[in-house]
PDB file of N, CA and C in Angstrom:
ATOM      1  N   MET A   1     208.220 -82.965 -65.542  1.00  0.00           N
ATOM      2  CA  MET A   1     207.211 -83.906 -65.129  1.00  0.00           C
ATOM      3  C   MET A   1     207.695 -84.645 -63.894  1.00  0.00           C
ATOM      4  N   GLY A   2     206.781 -85.068 -63.105  1.00  0.00           N
ATOM      5  CA  GLY A   2     207.104 -85.846 -61.931  1.00  0.00           C
ATOM      6  C   GLY A   2     207.471 -85.019 -60.721  1.00  0.00           C
ATOM      7  N   LYS A   3     207.515 -83.693 -60.857  1.00  0.00           N
ATOM      8  CA  LYS A   3     207.858 -82.855 -59.715  1.00  0.00           C
ATOM      9  C   LYS A   3     206.591 -82.497 -58.960  1.00  0.00           C
ATOM     10  N   GLY A   4     206.706 -82.215 -57.690  1.00  0.00           N
ATOM     11  CA  GLY A   4     205.573 -81.830 -56.874  1.00  0.00           C
ATOM     12  C   GLY A   4     204.881 -83.041 -56.285  1.00  0.00           C
ATOM     13  N   GLN A   5     203.788 -82.761 -55.632  1.00  0.00           N
ATOM     14  CA  GLN A   5     203.049 -83.835 -54.971  1.00  0.00           C
ATOM     15  C   GLN A   5     201.695 -84.013 -55.645  1.00  0.00           C
ATOM     16  N   HIS A   6     201.258 -85.211 -55.674  1.00  0.00           N
ATOM     17  CA  HIS A   6     199.927 -85.508 -56.206  1.00  0.00           C
ATOM     18  C   HIS A   6     199.040 -85.963 -55.054  1.00  0.00           C
ATOM     19  N   HIS A   7     197.898 -85.335 -54.922  1.00  0.00           N
ATOM     20  CA  HIS A   7     196.979 -85.664 -53.827  1.00  0.00           C
ATOM     21  C   HIS A   7     195.856 -86.537 -54.369  1.00  0.00           C
ATOM     22  N   MET A   8     195.727 -87.712 -53.858  1.00  0.00           N
ATOM     23  CA  MET A   8     194.612 -88.586 -54.216  1.00  0.00           C
ATOM     24  C   MET A   8     193.442 -88.258 -53.303  1.00  0.00           C
ATOM     25  N   PRO A   9     192.305 -87.805 -53.866  1.00  0.00           N
ATOM     26  CA  PRO A   9     191.169 -87.472 -53.002  1.00  0.00           C
ATOM     27  C   PRO A   9     190.594 -88.715 -52.333  1.00  0.00           C
ATOM     28  N   THR A  10     190.082 -88.495 -51.136  1.00  0.00           N
ATOM     29  CA  THR A  10     189.434 -89.591 -50.419  1.00  0.00           C
ATOM     30  C   THR A  10     188.046 -89.809 -50.991  1.00  0.00           C
ATOM     31  N   LYS A  11     187.427 -90.896 -50.622  1.00  0.00           N
ATOM     32  CA  LYS A  11     186.073 -91.205 -51.083  1.00  0.00           C
ATOM     33  C   LYS A  11     185.108 -90.113 -50.645  1.00  0.00           C
ATOM     34  N   GLU A  12     185.244 -89.620 -49.418  1.00  0.00           N
ATOM     35  CA  GLU A  12     184.363 -88.572 -48.901  1.00  0.00           C
ATOM     36  C   GLU A  12     184.521 -87.278 -49.698  1.00  0.00           C
ATOM     37  N   GLU A  13     185.768 -86.941 -50.058  1.00  0.00           N
ATOM     38  CA  GLU A  13     185.995 -85.730 -50.850  1.00  0.00           C
ATOM     39  C   GLU A  13     185.354 -85.858 -52.234  1.00  0.00           C
ATOM     40  N   LEU A  14     185.482 -87.015 -52.845  1.00  0.00           N
ATOM     41  CA  LEU A  14     184.864 -87.231 -54.155  1.00  0.00           C
ATOM     42  C   LEU A  14     183.345 -87.134 -54.086  1.00  0.00           C
ATOM     43  N   VAL A  15     182.752 -87.768 -53.073  1.00  0.00           N
ATOM     44  CA  VAL A  15     181.295 -87.724 -52.915  1.00  0.00           C
ATOM     45  C   VAL A  15     180.840 -86.288 -52.700  1.00  0.00           C
ATOM     46  N   GLN A  16     181.547 -85.548 -51.857  1.00  0.00           N
ATOM     47  CA  GLN A  16     181.178 -84.154 -51.584  1.00  0.00           C
ATOM     48  C   GLN A  16     181.280 -83.318 -52.860  1.00  0.00           C
ATOM     49  N   HIS A  17     182.363 -83.493 -53.612  1.00  0.00           N
ATOM     50  CA  HIS A  17     182.552 -82.731 -54.848  1.00  0.00           C
ATOM     51  C   HIS A  17     181.454 -83.038 -55.870  1.00  0.00           C
ATOM     52  N   TYR A  18     181.174 -84.307 -56.116  1.00  0.00           N
ATOM     53  CA  TYR A  18     180.198 -84.671 -57.138  1.00  0.00           C
ATOM     54  C   TYR A  18     178.767 -84.383 -56.705  1.00  0.00           C
ATOM     55  N   ASN A  19     178.478 -84.428 -55.426  1.00  0.00           N
ATOM     56  CA  ASN A  19     177.150 -84.018 -54.960  1.00  0.00           C
ATOM     57  C   ASN A  19     176.948 -82.532 -55.209  1.00  0.00           C
ATOM     58  N   ARG A  20     177.984 -81.732 -54.990  1.00  0.00           N
ATOM     59  CA  ARG A  20     177.885 -80.295 -55.238  1.00  0.00           C
ATOM     60  C   ARG A  20     177.695 -80.029 -56.729  1.00  0.00           C
ATOM     61  N   VAL A  21     178.423 -80.736 -57.587  1.00  0.00           N
ATOM     62  CA  VAL A  21     178.288 -80.572 -59.037  1.00  0.00           C
ATOM     63  C   VAL A  21     176.884 -80.957 -59.482  1.00  0.00           C
ATOM     64  N   ASN A  22     176.362 -82.077 -59.003  1.00  0.00           N
ATOM     65  CA  ASN A  22     175.013 -82.511 -59.377  1.00  0.00           C
ATOM     66  C   ASN A  22     173.967 -81.521 -58.915  1.00  0.00           C
ATOM     67  N   THR A  23     174.141 -80.926 -57.734  1.00  0.00           N
ATOM     68  CA  THR A  23     173.188 -79.930 -57.242  1.00  0.00           C
ATOM     69  C   THR A  23     173.179 -78.713 -58.154  1.00  0.00           C
ATOM     70  N   VAL A  24     174.347 -78.252 -58.576  1.00  0.00           N
ATOM     71  CA  VAL A  24     174.433 -77.099 -59.472  1.00  0.00           C
ATOM     72  C   VAL A  24     173.784 -77.417 -60.806  1.00  0.00           C
ATOM     73  N   LEU A  25     174.035 -78.605 -61.362  1.00  0.00           N
ATOM     74  CA  LEU A  25     173.432 -78.973 -62.641  1.00  0.00           C
ATOM     75  C   LEU A  25     171.916 -79.069 -62.547  1.00  0.00           C
ATOM     76  N   GLN A  26     171.382 -79.570 -61.438  1.00  0.00           N
ATOM     77  CA  GLN A  26     169.936 -79.655 -61.263  1.00  0.00           C
ATOM     78  C   GLN A  26     169.331 -78.267 -61.164  1.00  0.00           C
ATOM     79  N   CYS A  27     169.989 -77.347 -60.485  1.00  0.00           N
ATOM     80  CA  CYS A  27     169.482 -75.978 -60.377  1.00  0.00           C
ATOM     81  C   CYS A  27     169.430 -75.321 -61.745  1.00  0.00           C
ATOM     82  N   ARG A  28     170.456 -75.514 -62.538  1.00  0.00           N
ATOM     83  CA  ARG A  28     170.480 -74.922 -63.874  1.00  0.00           C
ATOM     84  C   ARG A  28     169.369 -75.485 -64.749  1.00  0.00           C
ATOM     85  N   ALA A  29     169.096 -76.751 -64.640  1.00  0.00           N
ATOM     86  CA  ALA A  29     168.073 -77.374 -65.480  1.00  0.00           C
ATOM     87  C   ALA A  29     166.693 -76.815 -65.181  1.00  0.00           C
ATOM     88  N   THR A  30     166.406 -76.501 -63.921  1.00  0.00           N
ATOM     89  CA  THR A  30     165.091 -75.976 -63.590  1.00  0.00           C
ATOM     90  C   THR A  30     164.977 -74.497 -63.916  1.00  0.00           C
ATOM     91  N   GLN A  31     166.086 -73.772 -63.999  1.00  0.00           N
ATOM     92  CA  GLN A  31     166.028 -72.344 -64.263  1.00  0.00           C
ATOM     93  C   GLN A  31     165.778 -72.041 -65.733  1.00  0.00           C
ATOM     94  N   SER A  32     166.353 -72.809 -66.638  1.00  0.00           N
ATOM     95  CA  SER A  32     166.179 -72.496 -68.040  1.00  0.00           C
ATOM     96  C   SER A  32     164.933 -73.206 -68.547  1.00  0.00           C
ATOM     97  N   ARG A  33     163.876 -72.472 -68.746  1.00  0.00           N
ATOM     98  CA  ARG A  33     162.623 -73.037 -69.201  1.00  0.00           C
ATOM     99  C   ARG A  33     162.050 -72.142 -70.287  1.00  0.00           C
ATOM    100  N   PHE A  34     162.716 -72.068 -71.402  1.00  0.00           N
ATOM    101  CA  PHE A  34     162.262 -71.210 -72.478  1.00  0.00           C
ATOM    102  C   PHE A  34     161.853 -72.063 -73.668  1.00  0.00           C
ATOM    103  N   LEU A  35     160.579 -72.113 -73.933  1.00  0.00           N
ATOM    104  CA  LEU A  35     160.017 -72.815 -75.086  1.00  0.00           C
ATOM    105  C   LEU A  35     160.484 -74.264 -75.172  1.00  0.00           C
ATOM    106  N   GLN A  36     160.170 -75.022 -74.159  1.00  0.00           N
ATOM    107  CA  GLN A  36     160.552 -76.424 -74.145  1.00  0.00           C
ATOM    108  C   GLN A  36     159.439 -77.340 -74.626  1.00  0.00           C
ATOM    109  N   SER A  37     158.292 -76.794 -74.905  1.00  0.00           N
ATOM    110  CA  SER A  37     157.166 -77.610 -75.332  1.00  0.00           C
ATOM    111  C   SER A  37     157.314 -78.006 -76.797  1.00  0.00           C
ATOM    112  N   ARG A  38     156.706 -79.125 -77.160  1.00  0.00           N
ATOM    113  CA  ARG A  38     156.665 -79.523 -78.565  1.00  0.00           C
ATOM    114  C   ARG A  38     155.409 -78.970 -79.248  1.00  0.00           C
ATOM    115  N   ASN A  39     154.545 -78.307 -78.482  1.00  0.00           N
ATOM    116  CA  ASN A  39     153.306 -77.755 -79.010  1.00  0.00           C
ATOM    117  C   ASN A  39     153.399 -76.236 -78.945  1.00  0.00           C
ATOM    118  N   LEU A  40     153.904 -75.607 -80.009  1.00  0.00           N
ATOM    119  CA  LEU A  40     154.073 -74.160 -80.051  1.00  0.00           C
ATOM    120  C   LEU A  40     153.163 -73.562 -81.113  1.00  0.00           C
ATOM    121  N   ASN A  41     152.584 -72.408 -80.794  1.00  0.00           N
ATOM    122  CA  ASN A  41     151.804 -71.639 -81.754  1.00  0.00           C
ATOM    123  C   ASN A  41     152.459 -70.275 -81.893  1.00  0.00           C
ATOM    124  N   CYS A  42     152.581 -69.790 -83.124  1.00  0.00           N
ATOM    125  CA  CYS A  42     153.251 -68.516 -83.381  1.00  0.00           C
ATOM    126  C   CYS A  42     152.328 -67.592 -84.161  1.00  0.00           C
ATOM    127  N   VAL A  43     152.408 -66.300 -83.820  1.00  0.00           N
ATOM    128  CA  VAL A  43     151.661 -65.275 -84.539  1.00  0.00           C
ATOM    129  C   VAL A  43     152.607 -64.107 -84.777  1.00  0.00           C
ATOM    130  N   ALA A  44     152.682 -63.632 -86.018  1.00  0.00           N
ATOM    131  CA  ALA A  44     153.515 -62.477 -86.347  1.00  0.00           C
ATOM    132  C   ALA A  44     152.609 -61.291 -86.651  1.00  0.00           C
ATOM    133  N   LEU A  45     152.902 -60.157 -86.041  1.00  0.00           N
ATOM    134  CA  LEU A  45     152.189 -58.916 -86.329  1.00  0.00           C
ATOM    135  C   LEU A  45     153.111 -58.080 -87.208  1.00  0.00           C
ATOM    136  N   CYS A  46     152.697 -57.867 -88.465  1.00  0.00           N
ATOM    137  CA  CYS A  46     153.586 -57.251 -89.450  1.00  0.00           C
ATOM    138  C   CYS A  46     153.031 -55.936 -89.970  1.00  0.00           C
ATOM    139  N   GLU A  47     153.938 -55.102 -90.409  1.00  0.00           N
ATOM    140  CA  GLU A  47     153.599 -53.868 -91.108  1.00  0.00           C
ATOM    141  C   GLU A  47     153.970 -54.082 -92.573  1.00  0.00           C
ATOM    142  N   VAL A  48     153.062 -53.690 -93.484  1.00  0.00           N
ATOM    143  CA  VAL A  48     153.274 -53.951 -94.907  1.00  0.00           C
ATOM    144  C   VAL A  48     153.158 -52.649 -95.680  1.00  0.00           C
ATOM    145  N   ILE A  49     154.059 -52.454 -96.622  1.00  0.00           N
ATOM    146  CA  ILE A  49     153.996 -51.290 -97.504  1.00  0.00           C
ATOM    147  C   ILE A  49     152.953 -51.577 -98.583  1.00  0.00           C
ATOM    148  N   THR A  50     152.058 -50.639 -98.787  1.00  0.00           N
ATOM    149  CA  THR A  50     151.049 -50.801 -99.831  1.00  0.00           C
ATOM    150  C   THR A  50     151.718 -50.649-101.196  1.00  0.00           C
ATOM    151  N   SER A  51     151.582 -51.675-102.009  1.00  0.00           N
ATOM    152  CA  SER A  51     152.155 -51.632-103.360  1.00  0.00           C
ATOM    153  C   SER A  51     151.307 -52.504-104.274  1.00  0.00           C
ATOM    154  N   LYS A  52     151.617 -52.435-105.554  1.00  0.00           N
ATOM    155  CA  LYS A  52     150.876 -53.261-106.510  1.00  0.00           C
ATOM    156  C   LYS A  52     151.187 -54.742-106.339  1.00  0.00           C
ATOM    157  N   ASP A  53     152.293 -55.058-105.655  1.00  0.00           N
ATOM    158  CA  ASP A  53     152.673 -56.456-105.440  1.00  0.00           C
ATOM    159  C   ASP A  53     151.927 -57.099-104.273  1.00  0.00           C
ATOM    160  N   LEU A  54     151.222 -56.305-103.494  1.00  0.00           N
ATOM    161  CA  LEU A  54     150.450 -56.823-102.362  1.00  0.00           C
ATOM    162  C   LEU A  54     149.132 -57.393-102.888  1.00  0.00           C
ATOM    163  N   GLN A  55     148.878 -58.662-102.598  1.00  0.00           N
ATOM    164  CA  GLN A  55     147.692 -59.336-103.115  1.00  0.00           C
ATOM    165  C   GLN A  55     146.862 -59.876-101.964  1.00  0.00           C
ATOM    166  N   LYS A  56     145.549 -59.902-102.162  1.00  0.00           N
ATOM    167  CA  LYS A  56     144.653 -60.465-101.159  1.00  0.00           C
ATOM    168  C   LYS A  56     143.967 -61.690-101.745  1.00  0.00           C
ATOM    169  N   HIS A  57     144.061 -62.802-101.004  1.00  0.00           N
ATOM    170  CA  HIS A  57     143.418 -64.057-101.391  1.00  0.00           C
ATOM    171  C   HIS A  57     142.483 -64.450-100.260  1.00  0.00           C
ATOM    172  N   GLY A  58     141.206 -64.114-100.393  1.00  0.00           N
ATOM    173  CA  GLY A  58     140.254 -64.373 -99.313  1.00  0.00           C
ATOM    174  C   GLY A  58     140.571 -63.474 -98.127  1.00  0.00           C
ATOM    175  N   ASN A  59     140.850 -64.066 -96.975  1.00  0.00           N
ATOM    176  CA  ASN A  59     141.210 -63.287 -95.784  1.00  0.00           C
ATOM    177  C   ASN A  59     142.719 -63.184 -95.584  1.00  0.00           C
ATOM    178  N   ILE A  60     143.496 -63.635 -96.543  1.00  0.00           N
ATOM    179  CA  ILE A  60     144.951 -63.690 -96.389  1.00  0.00           C
ATOM    180  C   ILE A  60     145.612 -62.715 -97.356  1.00  0.00           C
ATOM    181  N   TRP A  61     146.507 -61.892 -96.803  1.00  0.00           N
ATOM    182  CA  TRP A  61     147.297 -60.977 -97.615  1.00  0.00           C
ATOM    183  C   TRP A  61     148.626 -61.635 -97.937  1.00  0.00           C
ATOM    184  N   VAL A  62     149.081 -61.487 -99.189  1.00  0.00           N
ATOM    185  CA  VAL A  62     150.341 -62.082 -99.630  1.00  0.00           C
ATOM    186  C   VAL A  62     151.202 -60.998-100.264  1.00  0.00           C
ATOM    187  N   CYS A  63     152.455 -60.917 -99.796  1.00  0.00           N
ATOM    188  CA  CYS A  63     153.425 -59.999-100.389  1.00  0.00           C
ATOM    189  C   CYS A  63     154.694 -60.792-100.661  1.00  0.00           C
ATOM    190  N   LEU A  64     155.033 -60.957-101.930  1.00  0.00           N
ATOM    191  CA  LEU A  64     156.180 -61.777-102.305  1.00  0.00           C
ATOM    192  C   LEU A  64     157.511 -61.045-102.155  1.00  0.00           C
ATOM    193  N   ILE A  65     157.490 -59.738-101.966  1.00  0.00           N
ATOM    194  CA  ILE A  65     158.724 -58.961-101.810  1.00  0.00           C
ATOM    195  C   ILE A  65     158.968 -58.749-100.319  1.00  0.00           C
ATOM    196  N   SER A  66     159.968 -59.433 -99.788  1.00  0.00           N
ATOM    197  CA  SER A  66     160.210 -59.395 -98.337  1.00  0.00           C
ATOM    198  C   SER A  66     160.610 -58.007 -97.844  1.00  0.00           C
ATOM    199  N   ASP A  67     161.163 -57.173 -98.704  1.00  0.00           N
ATOM    200  CA  ASP A  67     161.528 -55.808 -98.292  1.00  0.00           C
ATOM    201  C   ASP A  67     160.304 -54.949 -97.998  1.00  0.00           C
ATOM    202  N   HIS A  68     159.132 -55.369 -98.436  1.00  0.00           N
ATOM    203  CA  HIS A  68     157.904 -54.614 -98.191  1.00  0.00           C
ATOM    204  C   HIS A  68     157.206 -55.027 -96.900  1.00  0.00           C
ATOM    205  N   VAL A  69     157.762 -56.000 -96.183  1.00  0.00           N
ATOM    206  CA  VAL A  69     157.145 -56.519 -94.959  1.00  0.00           C
ATOM    207  C   VAL A  69     158.116 -56.345 -93.796  1.00  0.00           C
ATOM    208  N   CYS A  70     157.591 -55.823 -92.686  1.00  0.00           N
ATOM    209  CA  CYS A  70     158.405 -55.657 -91.480  1.00  0.00           C
ATOM    210  C   CYS A  70     157.664 -56.300 -90.307  1.00  0.00           C
ATOM    211  N   THR A  71     158.286 -57.278 -89.668  1.00  0.00           N
ATOM    212  CA  THR A  71     157.679 -57.923 -88.503  1.00  0.00           C
ATOM    213  C   THR A  71     157.880 -57.030 -87.291  1.00  0.00           C
ATOM    214  N   ARG A  72     156.786 -56.569 -86.699  1.00  0.00           N
ATOM    215  CA  ARG A  72     156.863 -55.697 -85.519  1.00  0.00           C
ATOM    216  C   ARG A  72     156.864 -56.504 -84.229  1.00  0.00           C
ATOM    217  N   PHE A  73     156.039 -57.531 -84.159  1.00  0.00           N
ATOM    218  CA  PHE A  73     155.960 -58.380 -82.969  1.00  0.00           C
ATOM    219  C   PHE A  73     155.844 -59.830 -83.409  1.00  0.00           C
ATOM    220  N   PHE A  74     156.467 -60.716 -82.644  1.00  0.00           N
ATOM    221  CA  PHE A  74     156.387 -62.151 -82.913  1.00  0.00           C
ATOM    222  C   PHE A  74     156.020 -62.830 -81.602  1.00  0.00           C
ATOM    223  N   PHE A  75     154.810 -63.361 -81.534  1.00  0.00           N
ATOM    224  CA  PHE A  75     154.293 -63.980 -80.314  1.00  0.00           C
ATOM    225  C   PHE A  75     154.414 -65.496 -80.423  1.00  0.00           C
ATOM    226  N   VAL A  76     154.878 -66.129 -79.356  1.00  0.00           N
ATOM    227  CA  VAL A  76     154.997 -67.582 -79.310  1.00  0.00           C
ATOM    228  C   VAL A  76     154.268 -68.071 -78.069  1.00  0.00           C
ATOM    229  N   TYR A  77     153.342 -69.002 -78.258  1.00  0.00           N
ATOM    230  CA  TYR A  77     152.553 -69.556 -77.162  1.00  0.00           C
ATOM    231  C   TYR A  77     152.838 -71.046 -77.042  1.00  0.00           C
ATOM    232  N   GLU A  78     152.972 -71.506 -75.801  1.00  0.00           N
ATOM    233  CA  GLU A  78     153.196 -72.924 -75.538  1.00  0.00           C
ATOM    234  C   GLU A  78     151.890 -73.603 -75.156  1.00  0.00           C
ATOM    235  N   ASP A  79     151.677 -74.799 -75.642  1.00  0.00           N
ATOM    236  CA  ASP A  79     150.561 -75.658 -75.239  1.00  0.00           C
ATOM    237  C   ASP A  79     149.214 -74.962 -75.326  1.00  0.00           C
ATOM    238  N   GLY A  80     149.036 -74.098 -76.299  1.00  0.00           N
ATOM    239  CA  GLY A  80     147.758 -73.439 -76.510  1.00  0.00           C
ATOM    240  C   GLY A  80     147.419 -72.357 -75.508  1.00  0.00           C
ATOM    241  N   GLN A  81     148.333 -72.011 -74.620  1.00  0.00           N
ATOM    242  CA  GLN A  81     148.062 -70.978 -73.621  1.00  0.00           C
ATOM    243  C   GLN A  81     148.441 -69.624 -74.193  1.00  0.00           C
ATOM    244  N   VAL A  82     147.500 -68.696 -74.147  1.00  0.00           N
ATOM    245  CA  VAL A  82     147.733 -67.380 -74.720  1.00  0.00           C
ATOM    246  C   VAL A  82     148.330 -66.428 -73.701  1.00  0.00           C
ATOM    247  N   GLY A  83     148.097 -66.620 -72.465  1.00  0.00           N
ATOM    248  CA  GLY A  83     148.622 -65.743 -71.433  1.00  0.00           C
ATOM    249  C   GLY A  83     148.286 -66.318 -70.087  1.00  0.00           C
ATOM    250  N   ASN A  84     148.490 -65.539 -69.056  1.00  0.00           N
ATOM    251  CA  ASN A  84     148.102 -65.999 -67.727  1.00  0.00           C
ATOM    252  C   ASN A  84     147.559 -64.842 -66.918  1.00  0.00           C
ATOM    253  N   LYS A  85     147.055 -65.127 -65.740  1.00  0.00           N
ATOM    254  CA  LYS A  85     146.415 -64.100 -64.926  1.00  0.00           C
ATOM    255  C   LYS A  85     147.399 -63.047 -64.467  1.00  0.00           C
ATOM    256  N   GLU A  86     148.692 -63.381 -64.380  1.00  0.00           N
ATOM    257  CA  GLU A  86     149.691 -62.388 -63.976  1.00  0.00           C
ATOM    258  C   GLU A  86     149.802 -61.288 -65.031  1.00  0.00           C
ATOM    259  N   ILE A  87     149.740 -61.650 -66.303  1.00  0.00           N
ATOM    260  CA  ILE A  87     149.781 -60.645 -67.366  1.00  0.00           C
ATOM    261  C   ILE A  87     148.562 -59.746 -67.267  1.00  0.00           C
ATOM    262  N   LEU A  88     147.397 -60.326 -67.040  1.00  0.00           N
ATOM    263  CA  LEU A  88     146.182 -59.527 -66.914  1.00  0.00           C
ATOM    264  C   LEU A  88     146.257 -58.604 -65.705  1.00  0.00           C
ATOM    265  N   ARG A  89     146.837 -59.073 -64.604  1.00  0.00           N
ATOM    266  CA  ARG A  89     146.938 -58.256 -63.403  1.00  0.00           C
ATOM    267  C   ARG A  89     147.851 -57.059 -63.651  1.00  0.00           C
ATOM    268  N   VAL A  90     148.962 -57.279 -64.325  1.00  0.00           N
ATOM    269  CA  VAL A  90     149.924 -56.211 -64.574  1.00  0.00           C
ATOM    270  C   VAL A  90     149.328 -55.157 -65.493  1.00  0.00           C
ATOM    271  N   THR A  91     148.572 -55.574 -66.497  1.00  0.00           N
ATOM    272  CA  THR A  91     147.993 -54.623 -67.432  1.00  0.00           C
ATOM    273  C   THR A  91     146.716 -53.987 -66.905  1.00  0.00           C
ATOM    274  N   GLY A  92     146.228 -54.447 -65.775  1.00  0.00           N
ATOM    275  CA  GLY A  92     145.043 -53.851 -65.181  1.00  0.00           C
ATOM    276  C   GLY A  92     143.747 -54.472 -65.636  1.00  0.00           C
ATOM    277  N   GLY A  93     143.809 -55.546 -66.389  1.00  0.00           N
ATOM    278  CA  GLY A  93     142.598 -56.180 -66.885  1.00  0.00           C
ATOM    279  C   GLY A  93     141.859 -56.979 -65.838  1.00  0.00           C
ATOM    280  N   GLN A  94     142.568 -57.438 -64.812  1.00  0.00           N
ATOM    281  CA  GLN A  94     141.959 -58.305 -63.811  1.00  0.00           C
ATOM    282  C   GLN A  94     142.838 -58.300 -62.575  1.00  0.00           C
ATOM    283  N   SER A  95     142.260 -58.451 -61.414  1.00  0.00           N
ATOM    284  CA  SER A  95     143.069 -58.557 -60.198  1.00  0.00           C
ATOM    285  C   SER A  95     143.094 -60.003 -59.748  1.00  0.00           C
ATOM    286  N   THR A  96     144.190 -60.398 -59.061  1.00  0.00           N
ATOM    287  CA  THR A  96     144.322 -61.793 -58.635  1.00  0.00           C
ATOM    288  C   THR A  96     143.623 -62.040 -57.335  1.00  0.00           C
TER     289      THR A  96
END
């Protein structure tokens, strides 16, 4: 201990360093935007094995054996939005 030199950064060096760190942190915050809303709607598209344990109650199917149900797709929508015009453009449903 005590060997070598210790460099005390100047005020300008500290400001430059912390401005660069803050810029990087701000960039990261704007890039990660995955499901940040408090208003989420979810829909699961499932495949079900037909068995005697499969029951229908009105318009709802119920299967108490989880091995008989396979989730194929799980859709999550933010703020009630189901899609956007870019999705429609890519699939050919509409041009922008």
